[in-house]
N, C-alpha and C. Protein backbone atom coordinates (compact mmCIF):
# COMPACT_ATOMS: atom_id res chain seq x y z
N LYS A 1 160.19 95.43 60.32
CA LYS A 1 161.23 95.77 61.29
C LYS A 1 160.89 95.22 62.66
N LEU A 2 159.61 95.32 63.00
CA LEU A 2 159.21 94.78 64.30
C LEU A 2 159.39 93.27 64.33
N ALA A 3 159.07 92.66 63.19
CA ALA A 3 159.20 91.20 63.14
C ALA A 3 160.64 90.76 63.28
N GLY A 4 161.54 91.66 62.93
CA GLY A 4 162.95 91.28 63.00
C GLY A 4 163.56 91.51 64.35
N ILE A 5 162.80 92.13 65.23
CA ILE A 5 163.34 92.41 66.56
C ILE A 5 163.44 91.10 67.33
N GLN A 6 164.54 90.91 67.93
CA GLN A 6 164.76 89.72 68.74
C GLN A 6 164.60 90.07 70.22
N ARG A 7 163.83 89.25 70.92
CA ARG A 7 163.67 89.45 72.35
C ARG A 7 164.98 89.15 73.05
N PRO A 8 165.24 89.89 74.08
CA PRO A 8 166.47 89.60 74.81
C PRO A 8 166.39 88.23 75.46
N THR A 9 167.50 87.66 75.55
CA THR A 9 167.56 86.34 76.16
C THR A 9 167.42 86.46 77.67
N LEU A 10 166.45 85.77 78.21
CA LEU A 10 166.20 85.84 79.63
C LEU A 10 167.14 84.91 80.38
N PRO A 11 167.39 85.27 81.62
CA PRO A 11 168.21 84.36 82.42
C PRO A 11 167.53 82.99 82.50
N SER A 12 168.28 82.03 82.80
CA SER A 12 167.78 80.66 82.80
C SER A 12 166.71 80.43 83.87
N ASP A 13 166.74 81.21 84.94
CA ASP A 13 165.77 81.00 86.01
C ASP A 13 164.56 81.93 85.90
N VAL A 14 164.47 82.66 84.76
CA VAL A 14 163.34 83.58 84.57
C VAL A 14 162.52 83.08 83.39
N VAL A 15 161.18 83.02 83.54
CA VAL A 15 160.29 82.55 82.48
C VAL A 15 159.25 83.64 82.19
N PHE A 16 159.11 84.05 80.97
CA PHE A 16 158.11 85.06 80.57
C PHE A 16 156.72 84.44 80.57
N SER A 17 155.73 85.24 81.14
CA SER A 17 154.36 84.74 81.24
C SER A 17 153.39 85.81 80.75
N GLU A 18 152.63 85.49 79.71
CA GLU A 18 151.60 86.42 79.21
C GLU A 18 150.52 86.67 80.25
N ASP A 19 150.12 85.64 80.97
CA ASP A 19 149.08 85.79 82.00
C ASP A 19 149.52 86.73 83.10
N LEU A 20 150.78 86.55 83.53
CA LEU A 20 151.30 87.41 84.59
C LEU A 20 151.37 88.86 84.12
N LEU A 21 151.74 89.05 82.85
CA LEU A 21 151.80 90.41 82.30
C LEU A 21 150.40 91.04 82.27
N ALA A 22 149.39 90.26 81.83
CA ALA A 22 148.01 90.79 81.78
C ALA A 22 147.50 91.10 83.19
N GLU A 23 147.80 90.21 84.12
CA GLU A 23 147.35 90.42 85.50
C GLU A 23 148.02 91.66 86.09
N THR A 24 149.33 91.83 85.80
CA THR A 24 150.05 93.01 86.30
C THR A 24 149.47 94.29 85.69
N GLY A 25 149.06 94.21 84.39
CA GLY A 25 148.45 95.38 83.75
C GLY A 25 147.13 95.76 84.41
N LYS A 26 146.32 94.76 84.73
CA LYS A 26 145.05 95.04 85.42
C LYS A 26 145.29 95.67 86.79
N TYR A 27 146.29 95.16 87.50
CA TYR A 27 146.60 95.70 88.81
C TYR A 27 147.07 97.15 88.72
N ARG A 28 147.88 97.42 87.67
CA ARG A 28 148.33 98.81 87.46
C ARG A 28 147.14 99.72 87.19
N ASP A 29 146.21 99.25 86.33
CA ASP A 29 145.03 100.08 86.04
C ASP A 29 144.20 100.33 87.31
N SER A 30 144.10 99.30 88.15
CA SER A 30 143.35 99.45 89.41
C SER A 30 144.03 100.47 90.32
N LEU A 31 145.36 100.41 90.37
CA LEU A 31 146.09 101.38 91.19
C LEU A 31 145.88 102.80 90.65
N ASN A 32 145.89 102.95 89.32
CA ASN A 32 145.67 104.28 88.72
C ASN A 32 144.28 104.83 89.10
N GLU A 33 143.27 103.94 89.07
CA GLU A 33 141.93 104.37 89.46
C GLU A 33 141.89 104.79 90.92
N SER A 34 142.57 104.01 91.78
CA SER A 34 142.61 104.34 93.21
C SER A 34 143.30 105.68 93.43
N VAL A 35 144.40 105.89 92.72
CA VAL A 35 145.13 107.15 92.84
C VAL A 35 144.24 108.32 92.41
N SER A 36 143.48 108.11 91.32
CA SER A 36 142.58 109.17 90.83
C SER A 36 141.50 109.50 91.88
N ARG A 37 140.93 108.43 92.47
CA ARG A 37 139.92 108.67 93.50
C ARG A 37 140.50 109.39 94.70
N VAL A 38 141.65 108.95 95.15
CA VAL A 38 142.29 109.58 96.31
C VAL A 38 142.62 111.03 96.01
N ARG A 39 143.09 111.30 94.78
CA ARG A 39 143.42 112.68 94.42
C ARG A 39 142.16 113.55 94.47
N THR A 40 141.03 113.00 93.97
CA THR A 40 139.76 113.75 94.02
C THR A 40 139.34 114.02 95.46
N GLN A 41 139.46 112.99 96.31
CA GLN A 41 139.12 113.15 97.72
C GLN A 41 139.99 114.20 98.39
N ILE A 42 141.28 114.20 98.02
CA ILE A 42 142.20 115.20 98.60
C ILE A 42 141.79 116.60 98.17
N GLU A 43 141.41 116.75 96.89
CA GLU A 43 140.99 118.07 96.40
C GLU A 43 139.71 118.53 97.11
N GLU A 44 138.75 117.60 97.28
CA GLU A 44 137.51 117.96 97.97
C GLU A 44 137.78 118.30 99.44
N ALA A 45 138.66 117.51 100.08
CA ALA A 45 138.98 117.78 101.48
C ALA A 45 139.69 119.12 101.62
N THR A 46 140.54 119.45 100.66
CA THR A 46 141.24 120.74 100.70
C THR A 46 140.26 121.90 100.56
N ALA A 47 139.30 121.74 99.61
CA ALA A 47 138.29 122.78 99.43
C ALA A 47 137.42 122.92 100.67
N ARG A 48 137.03 121.78 101.27
CA ARG A 48 136.21 121.82 102.49
C ARG A 48 136.98 122.46 103.63
N GLN A 49 138.29 122.13 103.70
CA GLN A 49 139.13 122.72 104.73
C GLN A 49 139.19 124.24 104.58
N LEU A 50 139.25 124.70 103.33
CA LEU A 50 139.28 126.13 103.08
C LEU A 50 137.95 126.78 103.50
N GLU A 51 136.85 126.10 103.20
CA GLU A 51 135.53 126.61 103.59
C GLU A 51 135.43 126.71 105.11
N ILE A 52 135.88 125.66 105.80
CA ILE A 52 135.82 125.66 107.26
C ILE A 52 136.70 126.77 107.83
N LYS A 53 137.87 126.94 107.25
CA LYS A 53 138.77 127.98 107.72
C LYS A 53 138.15 129.36 107.54
N THR A 54 137.50 129.57 106.38
CA THR A 54 136.82 130.85 106.13
C THR A 54 135.68 131.06 107.11
N PHE A 55 134.88 129.99 107.34
CA PHE A 55 133.76 130.07 108.29
C PHE A 55 134.24 130.41 109.69
N LEU A 56 135.31 129.74 110.13
CA LEU A 56 135.85 130.01 111.45
C LEU A 56 136.37 131.44 111.56
N GLU A 57 136.95 131.93 110.47
CA GLU A 57 137.46 133.31 110.47
C GLU A 57 136.31 134.31 110.57
N GLU A 58 135.24 134.01 109.83
CA GLU A 58 134.08 134.92 109.85
C GLU A 58 133.34 134.86 111.18
N ASN A 59 133.41 133.74 111.87
CA ASN A 59 132.66 133.56 113.12
C ASN A 59 133.58 133.36 114.31
N LYS A 60 134.70 134.06 114.28
CA LYS A 60 135.64 133.87 115.38
C LYS A 60 135.09 134.42 116.70
N ASN A 61 134.08 135.36 116.59
CA ASN A 61 133.46 135.88 117.81
C ASN A 61 132.08 135.27 118.04
N ILE A 62 131.89 134.06 117.58
CA ILE A 62 130.57 133.44 117.64
C ILE A 62 130.07 133.28 119.07
N GLU A 63 130.93 133.02 120.01
CA GLU A 63 130.51 132.85 121.40
C GLU A 63 129.92 134.15 121.94
N GLY A 64 130.58 135.26 121.63
CA GLY A 64 130.04 136.55 122.08
C GLY A 64 128.70 136.85 121.44
N LYS A 65 128.58 136.50 120.14
CA LYS A 65 127.31 136.72 119.45
C LYS A 65 126.21 135.86 120.06
N VAL A 66 126.55 134.62 120.38
CA VAL A 66 125.56 133.73 120.99
C VAL A 66 125.11 134.28 122.35
N GLU A 67 126.04 134.76 123.14
CA GLU A 67 125.69 135.33 124.44
C GLU A 67 124.80 136.56 124.27
N ALA A 68 125.11 137.40 123.26
CA ALA A 68 124.28 138.58 123.01
C ALA A 68 122.87 138.19 122.61
N GLN A 69 122.76 137.16 121.75
CA GLN A 69 121.43 136.70 121.35
C GLN A 69 120.68 136.09 122.53
N GLN A 70 121.38 135.40 123.38
CA GLN A 70 120.73 134.83 124.56
C GLN A 70 120.20 135.93 125.48
N ARG A 71 120.97 137.02 125.61
CA ARG A 71 120.48 138.15 126.41
C ARG A 71 119.23 138.75 125.79
N LYS A 72 119.22 138.88 124.47
CA LYS A 72 118.04 139.40 123.79
C LYS A 72 116.84 138.49 124.01
N VAL A 73 117.08 137.18 123.93
CA VAL A 73 115.99 136.23 124.14
C VAL A 73 115.42 136.37 125.55
N ARG A 74 116.30 136.52 126.54
CA ARG A 74 115.83 136.67 127.91
C ARG A 74 115.01 137.95 128.08
N LEU A 75 115.46 139.03 127.44
CA LEU A 75 114.69 140.28 127.51
C LEU A 75 113.33 140.13 126.84
N LEU A 76 113.33 139.45 125.68
CA LEU A 76 112.06 139.24 124.97
C LEU A 76 111.12 138.36 125.78
N GLU A 77 111.67 137.37 126.45
CA GLU A 77 110.84 136.52 127.30
C GLU A 77 110.21 137.33 128.42
N LYS A 78 110.97 138.26 129.01
CA LYS A 78 110.42 139.11 130.05
C LYS A 78 109.32 140.01 129.49
N GLU A 79 109.60 140.60 128.30
CA GLU A 79 108.58 141.46 127.68
C GLU A 79 107.33 140.66 127.35
N LEU A 80 107.51 139.42 126.87
CA LEU A 80 106.37 138.57 126.56
C LEU A 80 105.55 138.28 127.80
N ALA A 81 106.24 138.01 128.89
CA ALA A 81 105.52 137.75 130.14
C ALA A 81 104.72 138.97 130.58
N VAL A 82 105.30 140.16 130.40
CA VAL A 82 104.58 141.39 130.76
C VAL A 82 103.36 141.58 129.87
N VAL A 83 103.55 141.32 128.55
CA VAL A 83 102.43 141.47 127.61
C VAL A 83 101.31 140.49 127.95
N LYS A 84 101.68 139.24 128.22
CA LYS A 84 100.65 138.24 128.57
C LYS A 84 99.90 138.66 129.83
N PHE A 85 100.64 139.16 130.82
CA PHE A 85 100.00 139.62 132.06
C PHE A 85 99.07 140.79 131.77
N SER A 86 99.52 141.70 130.89
CA SER A 86 98.68 142.86 130.54
C SER A 86 97.43 142.42 129.80
N VAL A 87 97.60 141.46 128.90
CA VAL A 87 96.44 140.97 128.14
C VAL A 87 95.43 140.33 129.07
N ARG A 88 95.91 139.53 130.02
CA ARG A 88 94.98 138.93 130.98
C ARG A 88 94.26 140.00 131.78
N GLY A 89 95.00 141.05 132.18
CA GLY A 89 94.36 142.13 132.91
C GLY A 89 93.32 142.86 132.08
N LEU A 90 93.66 143.10 130.80
CA LEU A 90 92.70 143.77 129.91
C LEU A 90 91.47 142.91 129.68
N GLU A 91 91.69 141.61 129.50
CA GLU A 91 90.55 140.72 129.29
C GLU A 91 89.64 140.71 130.51
N GLN A 92 90.23 140.66 131.70
CA GLN A 92 89.42 140.66 132.92
C GLN A 92 88.68 141.99 133.07
N THR A 93 89.40 143.11 132.76
CA THR A 93 88.75 144.42 132.85
C THR A 93 87.63 144.55 131.84
N SER A 94 87.92 144.07 130.61
CA SER A 94 86.90 144.13 129.56
C SER A 94 85.66 143.33 129.94
N GLU A 95 85.90 142.13 130.47
CA GLU A 95 84.76 141.31 130.88
C GLU A 95 83.98 141.98 132.01
N SER A 96 84.71 142.59 132.95
CA SER A 96 84.05 143.27 134.04
C SER A 96 83.22 144.44 133.53
N LEU A 97 83.79 145.20 132.57
CA LEU A 97 83.05 146.33 132.00
C LEU A 97 81.83 145.87 131.23
N ARG A 98 82.00 144.78 130.46
CA ARG A 98 80.85 144.27 129.71
C ARG A 98 79.74 143.83 130.65
N ASN A 99 80.14 143.13 131.71
CA ASN A 99 79.12 142.66 132.66
C ASN A 99 78.45 143.82 133.39
N ARG A 100 79.21 144.91 133.58
CA ARG A 100 78.64 146.06 134.28
C ARG A 100 77.79 146.91 133.35
N VAL A 101 78.23 147.08 132.10
CA VAL A 101 77.56 148.00 131.18
C VAL A 101 76.37 147.36 130.49
N LYS A 102 76.48 146.07 130.17
CA LYS A 102 75.43 145.44 129.36
C LYS A 102 74.04 145.56 129.99
N PRO A 103 73.85 145.29 131.28
CA PRO A 103 72.50 145.44 131.85
C PRO A 103 71.98 146.87 131.74
N GLN A 104 72.89 147.86 131.92
CA GLN A 104 72.46 149.25 131.81
C GLN A 104 72.06 149.59 130.38
N VAL A 105 72.82 149.06 129.40
CA VAL A 105 72.49 149.32 128.00
C VAL A 105 71.12 148.72 127.68
N GLU A 106 70.87 147.50 128.15
CA GLU A 106 69.57 146.88 127.91
C GLU A 106 68.45 147.71 128.54
N ARG A 107 68.71 148.21 129.75
CA ARG A 107 67.67 148.99 130.44
C ARG A 107 67.39 150.29 129.70
N TYR A 108 68.46 151.00 129.30
CA TYR A 108 68.25 152.27 128.59
C TYR A 108 67.59 152.05 127.24
N MET A 109 67.97 150.97 126.56
CA MET A 109 67.32 150.69 125.27
C MET A 109 65.84 150.42 125.46
N GLY A 110 65.51 149.75 126.57
CA GLY A 110 64.11 149.50 126.86
C GLY A 110 63.32 150.78 127.11
N LEU A 111 64.01 151.85 127.56
CA LEU A 111 63.36 153.14 127.78
C LEU A 111 63.31 153.97 126.50
N ILE A 112 64.35 153.83 125.67
CA ILE A 112 64.45 154.67 124.47
C ILE A 112 63.62 154.12 123.32
N LEU A 113 63.62 152.80 123.14
CA LEU A 113 62.94 152.20 121.98
C LEU A 113 61.47 152.59 121.88
N PRO A 114 60.68 152.51 122.95
CA PRO A 114 59.27 152.88 122.81
C PRO A 114 59.08 154.32 122.32
N ALA A 115 59.99 155.21 122.75
CA ALA A 115 59.86 156.62 122.38
C ALA A 115 60.13 156.86 120.91
N ILE A 116 61.04 156.09 120.32
CA ILE A 116 61.42 156.35 118.93
C ILE A 116 60.78 155.37 117.95
N THR A 117 60.04 154.37 118.46
CA THR A 117 59.35 153.43 117.56
C THR A 117 57.84 153.47 117.78
N SER A 118 57.35 154.57 118.33
CA SER A 118 55.91 154.74 118.58
C SER A 118 55.35 153.63 119.46
N GLY A 119 56.16 153.15 120.39
CA GLY A 119 55.72 152.15 121.34
C GLY A 119 55.65 150.74 120.80
N ARG A 120 56.13 150.52 119.56
CA ARG A 120 56.02 149.17 118.98
C ARG A 120 57.01 148.20 119.60
N TYR A 121 58.26 148.65 119.79
CA TYR A 121 59.29 147.77 120.35
C TYR A 121 59.70 148.32 121.71
N LYS A 122 59.77 147.41 122.69
CA LYS A 122 60.00 147.85 124.06
C LYS A 122 61.11 147.09 124.78
N ALA A 123 61.44 145.90 124.33
CA ALA A 123 62.41 145.07 125.06
C ALA A 123 63.50 144.57 124.13
N VAL A 124 64.72 144.50 124.64
CA VAL A 124 65.85 143.99 123.87
C VAL A 124 66.67 143.06 124.75
N GLU A 125 67.45 142.23 124.09
CA GLU A 125 68.43 141.38 124.77
C GLU A 125 69.77 141.56 124.07
N LEU A 126 70.83 141.62 124.85
CA LEU A 126 72.19 141.73 124.30
C LEU A 126 72.96 140.47 124.65
N ASP A 127 73.55 139.84 123.62
CA ASP A 127 74.41 138.69 123.86
C ASP A 127 75.75 139.16 124.41
N ASP A 128 76.63 138.21 124.72
CA ASP A 128 77.94 138.57 125.27
C ASP A 128 78.75 139.42 124.29
N ASP A 129 78.54 139.21 122.99
CA ASP A 129 79.25 140.02 121.99
C ASP A 129 78.45 141.25 121.58
N TYR A 130 77.41 141.58 122.36
CA TYR A 130 76.56 142.75 122.14
C TYR A 130 75.76 142.64 120.84
N THR A 131 75.47 141.44 120.41
CA THR A 131 74.51 141.25 119.33
C THR A 131 73.12 141.58 119.85
N VAL A 132 72.40 142.42 119.09
CA VAL A 132 71.09 142.91 119.56
C VAL A 132 69.99 141.99 119.07
N ARG A 133 69.12 141.59 119.98
CA ARG A 133 67.89 140.88 119.63
C ARG A 133 66.71 141.63 120.25
N VAL A 134 65.70 141.89 119.43
CA VAL A 134 64.57 142.73 119.83
C VAL A 134 63.32 141.88 119.92
N PHE A 135 62.51 142.16 120.94
CA PHE A 135 61.26 141.42 121.10
C PHE A 135 60.24 141.92 120.08
N ASP A 136 59.80 140.99 119.23
CA ASP A 136 58.81 141.30 118.21
C ASP A 136 57.43 140.91 118.76
N PRO A 137 56.56 141.89 119.07
CA PRO A 137 55.26 141.54 119.67
C PRO A 137 54.39 140.70 118.75
N GLU A 138 54.53 140.85 117.44
CA GLU A 138 53.71 140.06 116.52
C GLU A 138 54.12 138.59 116.54
N ALA A 139 55.45 138.34 116.59
CA ALA A 139 55.95 136.96 116.62
C ALA A 139 55.99 136.40 118.04
N GLY A 140 55.99 137.28 119.03
CA GLY A 140 56.05 136.83 120.40
C GLY A 140 57.39 136.27 120.81
N GLU A 141 58.45 136.72 120.18
CA GLU A 141 59.79 136.23 120.50
C GLU A 141 60.83 137.29 120.15
N PHE A 142 62.06 137.08 120.68
CA PHE A 142 63.16 137.98 120.37
C PHE A 142 63.77 137.59 119.03
N LYS A 143 64.04 138.60 118.21
CA LYS A 143 64.62 138.35 116.89
C LYS A 143 65.85 139.24 116.70
N PRO A 144 66.84 138.77 115.91
CA PRO A 144 68.00 139.63 115.63
C PRO A 144 67.58 140.85 114.82
N LYS A 145 68.29 141.94 115.02
CA LYS A 145 67.90 143.20 114.39
C LYS A 145 67.96 143.14 112.87
N GLU A 146 68.75 142.19 112.33
CA GLU A 146 68.90 142.13 110.88
C GLU A 146 67.62 141.70 110.15
N VAL A 147 66.66 141.09 110.86
CA VAL A 147 65.45 140.63 110.18
C VAL A 147 64.43 141.75 110.03
N PHE A 148 64.67 142.87 110.67
CA PHE A 148 63.73 143.99 110.57
C PHE A 148 64.06 144.84 109.35
N SER A 149 63.16 145.75 109.03
CA SER A 149 63.37 146.63 107.87
C SER A 149 64.55 147.55 108.13
N GLY A 150 65.04 148.15 107.03
CA GLY A 150 66.20 149.04 107.17
C GLY A 150 65.94 150.20 108.08
N GLY A 151 64.74 150.80 107.99
CA GLY A 151 64.41 151.92 108.85
C GLY A 151 64.35 151.52 110.32
N THR A 152 63.72 150.38 110.59
CA THR A 152 63.64 149.90 111.97
C THR A 152 65.03 149.56 112.52
N GLU A 153 65.86 148.96 111.67
CA GLU A 153 67.21 148.62 112.12
C GLU A 153 68.00 149.88 112.46
N ASP A 154 67.83 150.94 111.66
CA ASP A 154 68.50 152.21 111.98
C ASP A 154 68.03 152.75 113.33
N GLN A 155 66.74 152.63 113.62
CA GLN A 155 66.22 153.09 114.91
C GLN A 155 66.77 152.26 116.06
N LEU A 156 66.91 150.96 115.83
CA LEU A 156 67.48 150.09 116.86
C LEU A 156 68.94 150.48 117.14
N LEU A 157 69.68 150.75 116.09
CA LEU A 157 71.08 151.14 116.26
C LEU A 157 71.18 152.50 116.95
N LEU A 158 70.27 153.42 116.59
CA LEU A 158 70.27 154.72 117.27
C LEU A 158 69.99 154.54 118.76
N ALA A 159 69.01 153.71 119.09
CA ALA A 159 68.70 153.45 120.49
C ALA A 159 69.89 152.83 121.20
N MET A 160 70.60 151.95 120.52
CA MET A 160 71.76 151.30 121.14
C MET A 160 72.87 152.32 121.40
N ARG A 161 73.12 153.20 120.43
CA ARG A 161 74.17 154.21 120.62
C ARG A 161 73.82 155.16 121.77
N LEU A 162 72.57 155.60 121.80
CA LEU A 162 72.16 156.47 122.89
C LEU A 162 72.24 155.75 124.23
N ALA A 163 71.86 154.47 124.25
CA ALA A 163 71.92 153.70 125.49
C ALA A 163 73.36 153.56 125.97
N PHE A 164 74.29 153.34 125.04
CA PHE A 164 75.70 153.26 125.41
C PHE A 164 76.17 154.59 125.98
N ALA A 165 75.79 155.68 125.32
CA ALA A 165 76.20 157.00 125.81
C ALA A 165 75.72 157.23 127.24
N LEU A 166 74.49 156.82 127.53
CA LEU A 166 73.96 157.00 128.87
C LEU A 166 74.61 156.05 129.87
N ALA A 167 74.83 154.80 129.44
CA ALA A 167 75.40 153.80 130.35
C ALA A 167 76.84 154.11 130.73
N LEU A 168 77.56 154.79 129.85
CA LEU A 168 78.98 155.06 130.11
C LEU A 168 79.20 156.40 130.80
N ILE A 169 78.14 157.14 131.09
CA ILE A 169 78.31 158.41 131.81
C ILE A 169 78.81 158.12 133.23
N PRO A 170 79.92 158.73 133.63
CA PRO A 170 80.46 158.47 134.99
C PRO A 170 79.67 159.22 136.05
N GLN A 171 78.43 158.84 136.26
CA GLN A 171 77.57 159.56 137.18
C GLN A 171 78.05 159.45 138.62
N ALA A 172 78.73 158.35 138.93
CA ALA A 172 79.19 158.16 140.30
C ALA A 172 80.19 159.24 140.71
N LYS A 173 80.88 159.83 139.74
CA LYS A 173 81.87 160.86 140.04
C LYS A 173 81.28 162.27 139.91
N GLY A 174 80.00 162.34 139.67
CA GLY A 174 79.37 163.64 139.55
C GLY A 174 79.75 164.37 138.28
N GLN A 175 80.11 163.64 137.23
CA GLN A 175 80.51 164.25 135.97
C GLN A 175 79.52 163.85 134.88
N SER A 176 79.46 164.67 133.85
CA SER A 176 78.61 164.35 132.71
C SER A 176 79.22 164.94 131.46
N PRO A 177 78.96 164.37 130.28
CA PRO A 177 79.54 164.90 129.05
C PRO A 177 79.00 166.29 128.76
N GLU A 178 79.77 167.07 128.05
CA GLU A 178 79.36 168.41 127.70
C GLU A 178 78.30 168.40 126.60
N PHE A 179 78.42 167.46 125.66
CA PHE A 179 77.48 167.50 124.54
C PHE A 179 77.29 166.10 123.94
N LEU A 180 76.22 165.99 123.16
CA LEU A 180 75.91 164.79 122.39
C LEU A 180 75.79 165.21 120.93
N PHE A 181 76.48 164.49 120.03
CA PHE A 181 76.50 164.84 118.62
C PHE A 181 75.84 163.72 117.81
N LEU A 182 74.79 164.07 117.06
CA LEU A 182 74.05 163.08 116.27
C LEU A 182 74.02 163.53 114.82
N ASP A 183 74.44 162.65 113.94
CA ASP A 183 74.48 162.95 112.50
C ASP A 183 73.42 162.13 111.78
N GLU A 184 72.40 162.79 111.26
CA GLU A 184 71.32 162.19 110.47
C GLU A 184 70.64 161.03 111.21
N PRO A 185 70.12 161.24 112.40
CA PRO A 185 69.41 160.15 113.07
C PRO A 185 67.94 160.03 112.66
N LEU A 186 67.45 160.97 111.82
CA LEU A 186 66.02 161.00 111.50
C LEU A 186 65.72 160.55 110.08
N GLY A 187 66.73 160.36 109.27
CA GLY A 187 66.52 160.16 107.85
C GLY A 187 65.66 158.97 107.49
N SER A 188 65.76 157.86 108.23
CA SER A 188 65.05 156.64 107.87
C SER A 188 63.77 156.44 108.66
N SER A 189 63.31 157.48 109.36
CA SER A 189 62.10 157.37 110.18
C SER A 189 60.97 158.18 109.55
N ASP A 190 59.73 157.75 109.82
CA ASP A 190 58.59 158.54 109.35
C ASP A 190 58.37 159.72 110.29
N ARG A 191 57.35 160.56 109.98
CA ARG A 191 57.15 161.79 110.72
C ARG A 191 56.88 161.53 112.20
N ILE A 192 56.05 160.54 112.50
CA ILE A 192 55.69 160.27 113.89
C ILE A 192 56.93 159.84 114.69
N ARG A 193 57.73 158.98 114.09
CA ARG A 193 58.92 158.51 114.82
C ARG A 193 59.98 159.60 114.91
N ARG A 194 60.04 160.48 113.91
CA ARG A 194 60.96 161.61 114.01
C ARG A 194 60.57 162.51 115.17
N GLU A 195 59.29 162.73 115.30
CA GLU A 195 58.82 163.53 116.43
C GLU A 195 59.17 162.87 117.76
N GLY A 196 59.05 161.54 117.81
CA GLY A 196 59.40 160.82 119.04
C GLY A 196 60.87 160.98 119.37
N ILE A 197 61.73 160.92 118.36
CA ILE A 197 63.17 161.07 118.60
C ILE A 197 63.49 162.47 119.11
N VAL A 198 62.90 163.49 118.45
CA VAL A 198 63.15 164.86 118.88
C VAL A 198 62.63 165.10 120.30
N THR A 199 61.48 164.57 120.61
CA THR A 199 60.94 164.71 121.97
C THR A 199 61.86 164.06 122.98
N LEU A 200 62.39 162.88 122.64
CA LEU A 200 63.33 162.20 123.53
C LEU A 200 64.56 163.06 123.78
N LEU A 201 65.06 163.68 122.72
CA LEU A 201 66.24 164.54 122.87
C LEU A 201 65.93 165.76 123.74
N GLN A 202 64.75 166.34 123.53
CA GLN A 202 64.40 167.56 124.25
C GLN A 202 64.13 167.31 125.73
N LYS A 203 63.62 166.16 126.07
CA LYS A 203 63.21 165.90 127.44
C LYS A 203 64.24 165.03 128.18
N GLU A 204 64.18 163.72 127.96
CA GLU A 204 65.00 162.81 128.76
C GLU A 204 66.50 163.07 128.58
N LEU A 205 66.95 163.13 127.31
CA LEU A 205 68.39 163.22 127.09
C LEU A 205 68.95 164.59 127.45
N SER A 206 68.15 165.62 127.39
CA SER A 206 68.65 166.95 127.74
C SER A 206 69.02 167.04 129.22
N GLN A 207 68.55 166.10 130.02
CA GLN A 207 68.90 166.09 131.44
C GLN A 207 70.30 165.53 131.67
N ASN A 208 70.83 164.82 130.66
CA ASN A 208 72.15 164.20 130.81
C ASN A 208 73.24 164.90 130.02
N PHE A 209 72.86 165.72 129.04
CA PHE A 209 73.84 166.39 128.20
C PHE A 209 73.55 167.89 128.18
N LYS A 210 74.61 168.69 128.34
CA LYS A 210 74.42 170.14 128.37
C LYS A 210 74.00 170.66 127.00
N GLN A 211 74.52 170.07 125.94
CA GLN A 211 74.17 170.50 124.59
C GLN A 211 73.97 169.26 123.72
N ILE A 212 73.01 169.33 122.82
CA ILE A 212 72.76 168.24 121.87
C ILE A 212 72.81 168.84 120.47
N PHE A 213 73.74 168.37 119.66
CA PHE A 213 73.88 168.83 118.28
C PHE A 213 73.24 167.79 117.37
N LEU A 214 72.34 168.24 116.54
CA LEU A 214 71.58 167.34 115.67
C LEU A 214 71.69 167.83 114.24
N ILE A 215 72.22 166.97 113.37
CA ILE A 215 72.30 167.28 111.95
C ILE A 215 71.28 166.42 111.22
N SER A 216 70.37 167.05 110.49
CA SER A 216 69.33 166.29 109.80
C SER A 216 68.69 167.14 108.72
N GLN A 217 68.35 166.50 107.60
CA GLN A 217 67.60 167.18 106.55
C GLN A 217 66.11 167.10 106.80
N SER A 218 65.71 166.31 107.78
CA SER A 218 64.28 166.11 108.04
C SER A 218 63.80 166.94 109.23
N LEU A 219 64.67 167.73 109.82
CA LEU A 219 64.31 168.43 111.04
C LEU A 219 63.45 169.67 110.77
N THR A 220 63.55 170.26 109.58
CA THR A 220 62.83 171.50 109.29
C THR A 220 61.34 171.32 109.42
N ASP A 221 60.81 170.23 108.87
CA ASP A 221 59.36 169.99 108.93
C ASP A 221 58.88 169.86 110.37
N ILE A 222 59.67 169.21 111.21
CA ILE A 222 59.27 169.03 112.61
C ILE A 222 59.26 170.36 113.33
N LEU A 223 60.28 171.19 113.08
CA LEU A 223 60.34 172.48 113.75
C LEU A 223 59.20 173.39 113.32
N ARG A 224 58.80 173.27 112.06
CA ARG A 224 57.67 174.08 111.59
C ARG A 224 56.38 173.69 112.28
N GLN A 225 56.25 172.41 112.57
CA GLN A 225 55.03 171.96 113.24
C GLN A 225 55.03 172.34 114.71
């Protein structure tokens, strides 16, 4: 049936061209692709437009929010400046206190150590961070407290605590603490050094503290003697 179909007779000035038909088909396909791309772009632009519209609706007061945040930032900057100024003041005060207290602590430790170490250790040095170094007469030099035995290190720390307590007494104002509280300061010392500690408490330290409370399991033997 298809073979029997007769093509219409074309006008005399019209000529059918297979090449022109193929070229026109390619052009049509190209236009269809362009239309498809443009349609996709339109859909994406519409979706983006909707997103922007939603964003603008949600942030319609964005200028006011920005101004509020800027005010908060200015307040925080002022607070930061105050904190920095306070820190500088504290650092200067701390340094002043360290410079004032450290020599007194060294002096008091030099008085306390001989009494509680049977005269073996007499001099100490404190670094800027209050690291303790003790003069070892056998070595002839200052050594950090960590190289000594556990009992000796405990005595050094006790001397340091007592020295701090004495150095921080506001004597210039005519005031003194009501009491001194010591928990187990005798446990790591032998009998002779325990006696030295108790004697120190009874004599020198009793002049600076109205009451001295001492908790120790080793005190009974000393009191009996």
